[in-house]
């Protein structure tokens, strides 16, 4: 992950969610696998992220909202994303 970039076909979108009901859901891009680094730590429990606004949403334990969906909390900080299928030197969106 030596190259830093913010756009292009090999860079994940600025905002994406794993919930199919969200307007930011994109199954094709999610199938490729998106790696997320939040505050310098690689995270694998991110439900949604926005690079430009600097936040991620993660599940708050096993708690569910009134509709039966996982309850999420929004964490603010620097976010980096990359496609995992491109290997170690994948372009990183910051």
C-alpha atoms as a PDB file:
ATOM      1  CA  UNK A   1       0.000   0.000   0.000  1.00  0.00           C
ATOM      2  CA  UNK A   2       2.621   2.467  -1.046  1.00  0.00           C
ATOM      3  CA  UNK A   3       0.614   4.497  -3.530  1.00  0.00           C
ATOM      4  CA  UNK A   4      -1.814   7.136  -2.252  1.00  0.00           C
ATOM      5  CA  UNK A   5      -4.714   8.222  -4.422  1.00  0.00           C
ATOM      6  CA  UNK A   6      -8.335   9.335  -4.158  1.00  0.00           C
ATOM      7  CA  UNK A   7      -9.983   8.217  -7.395  1.00  0.00           C
ATOM      8  CA  UNK A   8      -9.828   5.683 -10.186  1.00  0.00           C
ATOM      9  CA  UNK A   9     -11.170   2.220 -10.969  1.00  0.00           C
ATOM     10  CA  UNK A  10      -8.901   0.472  -8.435  1.00  0.00           C
ATOM     11  CA  UNK A  11      -9.819   2.739  -5.508  1.00  0.00           C
ATOM     12  CA  UNK A  12     -12.904   2.053  -3.349  1.00  0.00           C
ATOM     13  CA  UNK A  13     -15.710   4.633  -3.291  1.00  0.00           C
ATOM     14  CA  UNK A  14     -15.721   7.498  -0.786  1.00  0.00           C
ATOM     15  CA  UNK A  15     -18.862   6.167   0.947  1.00  0.00           C
ATOM     16  CA  UNK A  16     -20.160   2.598   1.033  1.00  0.00           C
ATOM     17  CA  UNK A  17     -22.419   0.514   3.285  1.00  0.00           C
ATOM     18  CA  UNK A  18     -22.934  -3.236   3.675  1.00  0.00           C
ATOM     19  CA  UNK A  19     -26.678  -2.904   4.374  1.00  0.00           C
ATOM     20  CA  UNK A  20     -28.645  -3.660   1.138  1.00  0.00           C
ATOM     21  CA  UNK A  21     -31.325  -1.128   2.181  1.00  0.00           C
ATOM     22  CA  UNK A  22     -28.817   1.743   2.158  1.00  0.00           C
ATOM     23  CA  UNK A  23     -28.470   4.068  -0.830  1.00  0.00           C
ATOM     24  CA  UNK A  24     -24.688   3.587  -0.530  1.00  0.00           C
ATOM     25  CA  UNK A  25     -24.837  -0.219  -0.948  1.00  0.00           C
ATOM     26  CA  UNK A  26     -22.926  -1.587  -3.983  1.00  0.00           C
ATOM     27  CA  UNK A  27     -22.731  -5.398  -4.097  1.00  0.00           C
ATOM     28  CA  UNK A  28     -20.252  -5.491  -6.980  1.00  0.00           C
ATOM     29  CA  UNK A  29     -17.689  -3.358  -5.137  1.00  0.00           C
ATOM     30  CA  UNK A  30     -18.235  -5.186  -1.851  1.00  0.00           C
ATOM     31  CA  UNK A  31     -17.603  -8.568  -3.541  1.00  0.00           C
ATOM     32  CA  UNK A  32     -14.048  -7.453  -4.290  1.00  0.00           C
ATOM     33  CA  UNK A  33     -13.371  -7.018  -0.572  1.00  0.00           C
ATOM     34  CA  UNK A  34     -12.612  -3.624   0.898  1.00  0.00           C
ATOM     35  CA  UNK A  35      -9.939  -3.226   3.562  1.00  0.00           C
ATOM     36  CA  UNK A  36     -10.478  -0.437   6.086  1.00  0.00           C
ATOM     37  CA  UNK A  37      -7.892   1.265   8.282  1.00  0.00           C
ATOM     38  CA  UNK A  38      -9.405   3.523  10.941  1.00  0.00           C
ATOM     39  CA  UNK A  39      -7.092   5.605  13.145  1.00  0.00           C
ATOM     40  CA  UNK A  40      -4.153   3.494  11.988  1.00  0.00           C
ATOM     41  CA  UNK A  41      -5.758   0.134  12.862  1.00  0.00           C
ATOM     42  CA  UNK A  42      -7.122  -2.326  10.293  1.00  0.00           C
ATOM     43  CA  UNK A  43     -10.784  -2.983  11.117  1.00  0.00           C
ATOM     44  CA  UNK A  44     -12.933  -5.877   9.901  1.00  0.00           C
ATOM     45  CA  UNK A  45     -16.196  -4.940  11.654  1.00  0.00           C
ATOM     46  CA  UNK A  46     -17.114  -1.784   9.712  1.00  0.00           C
ATOM     47  CA  UNK A  47     -20.763  -1.579   8.591  1.00  0.00           C
ATOM     48  CA  UNK A  48     -20.403   1.724   6.684  1.00  0.00           C
ATOM     49  CA  UNK A  49     -17.705   4.332   6.118  1.00  0.00           C
ATOM     50  CA  UNK A  50     -17.170   7.776   4.595  1.00  0.00           C
ATOM     51  CA  UNK A  51     -13.603   8.808   3.818  1.00  0.00           C
ATOM     52  CA  UNK A  52     -14.270  12.485   3.042  1.00  0.00           C
ATOM     53  CA  UNK A  53     -16.252  13.049   6.265  1.00  0.00           C
ATOM     54  CA  UNK A  54     -13.866  10.906   8.349  1.00  0.00           C
ATOM     55  CA  UNK A  55     -16.136   8.366  10.053  1.00  0.00           C
ATOM     56  CA  UNK A  56     -17.035   4.689  10.255  1.00  0.00           C
ATOM     57  CA  UNK A  57     -20.092   2.888  11.649  1.00  0.00           C
ATOM     58  CA  UNK A  58     -19.512  -0.271  13.649  1.00  0.00           C
ATOM     59  CA  UNK A  59     -21.900  -2.654  15.337  1.00  0.00           C
ATOM     60  CA  UNK A  60     -22.538  -1.934  19.049  1.00  0.00           C
ATOM     61  CA  UNK A  61     -22.219  -5.461  20.418  1.00  0.00           C
ATOM     62  CA  UNK A  62     -25.224  -7.719  19.868  1.00  0.00           C
ATOM     63  CA  UNK A  63     -27.761  -4.943  20.454  1.00  0.00           C
ATOM     64  CA  UNK A  64     -30.585  -4.622  17.913  1.00  0.00           C
ATOM     65  CA  UNK A  65     -32.738  -1.610  17.078  1.00  0.00           C
ATOM     66  CA  UNK A  66     -36.536  -1.751  17.097  1.00  0.00           C
ATOM     67  CA  UNK A  67     -36.604  -3.094  13.520  1.00  0.00           C
ATOM     68  CA  UNK A  68     -34.258  -5.983  14.353  1.00  0.00           C
ATOM     69  CA  UNK A  69     -31.218  -4.452  12.652  1.00  0.00           C
ATOM     70  CA  UNK A  70     -27.850  -4.289  14.420  1.00  0.00           C
ATOM     71  CA  UNK A  71     -27.425  -1.080  16.421  1.00  0.00           C
ATOM     72  CA  UNK A  72     -24.409   0.853  15.133  1.00  0.00           C
ATOM     73  CA  UNK A  73     -22.292   3.645  16.541  1.00  0.00           C
ATOM     74  CA  UNK A  74     -20.483   6.294  14.524  1.00  0.00           C
ATOM     75  CA  UNK A  75     -16.779   6.775  15.236  1.00  0.00           C
ATOM     76  CA  UNK A  76     -14.910   9.832  13.935  1.00  0.00           C
ATOM     77  CA  UNK A  77     -11.313   9.791  12.743  1.00  0.00           C
ATOM     78  CA  UNK A  78      -9.088   9.273   9.695  1.00  0.00           C
ATOM     79  CA  UNK A  79     -10.304   6.515   7.350  1.00  0.00           C
ATOM     80  CA  UNK A  80      -8.343   4.699   4.623  1.00  0.00           C
ATOM     81  CA  UNK A  81      -9.778   2.105   2.228  1.00  0.00           C
ATOM     82  CA  UNK A  82      -8.381  -0.248  -0.416  1.00  0.00           C
ATOM     83  CA  UNK A  83      -9.500  -3.237  -2.463  1.00  0.00           C
ATOM     84  CA  UNK A  84      -8.152  -6.408  -0.862  1.00  0.00           C
ATOM     85  CA  UNK A  85      -8.116  -8.332  -4.164  1.00  0.00           C
ATOM     86  CA  UNK A  86      -5.272  -6.120  -5.437  1.00  0.00           C
ATOM     87  CA  UNK A  87      -2.744  -7.442  -2.911  1.00  0.00           C
ATOM     88  CA  UNK A  88      -0.141  -5.657  -0.802  1.00  0.00           C
ATOM     89  CA  UNK A  89       0.505  -2.681  -3.134  1.00  0.00           C
ATOM     90  CA  UNK A  90      -3.135  -1.693  -3.680  1.00  0.00           C
ATOM     91  CA  UNK A  91      -3.891   2.030  -4.129  1.00  0.00           C
ATOM     92  CA  UNK A  92      -5.272   3.516  -0.901  1.00  0.00           C
ATOM     93  CA  UNK A  93      -8.096   6.069  -0.748  1.00  0.00           C
ATOM     94  CA  UNK A  94      -7.524   8.593   2.052  1.00  0.00           C
END
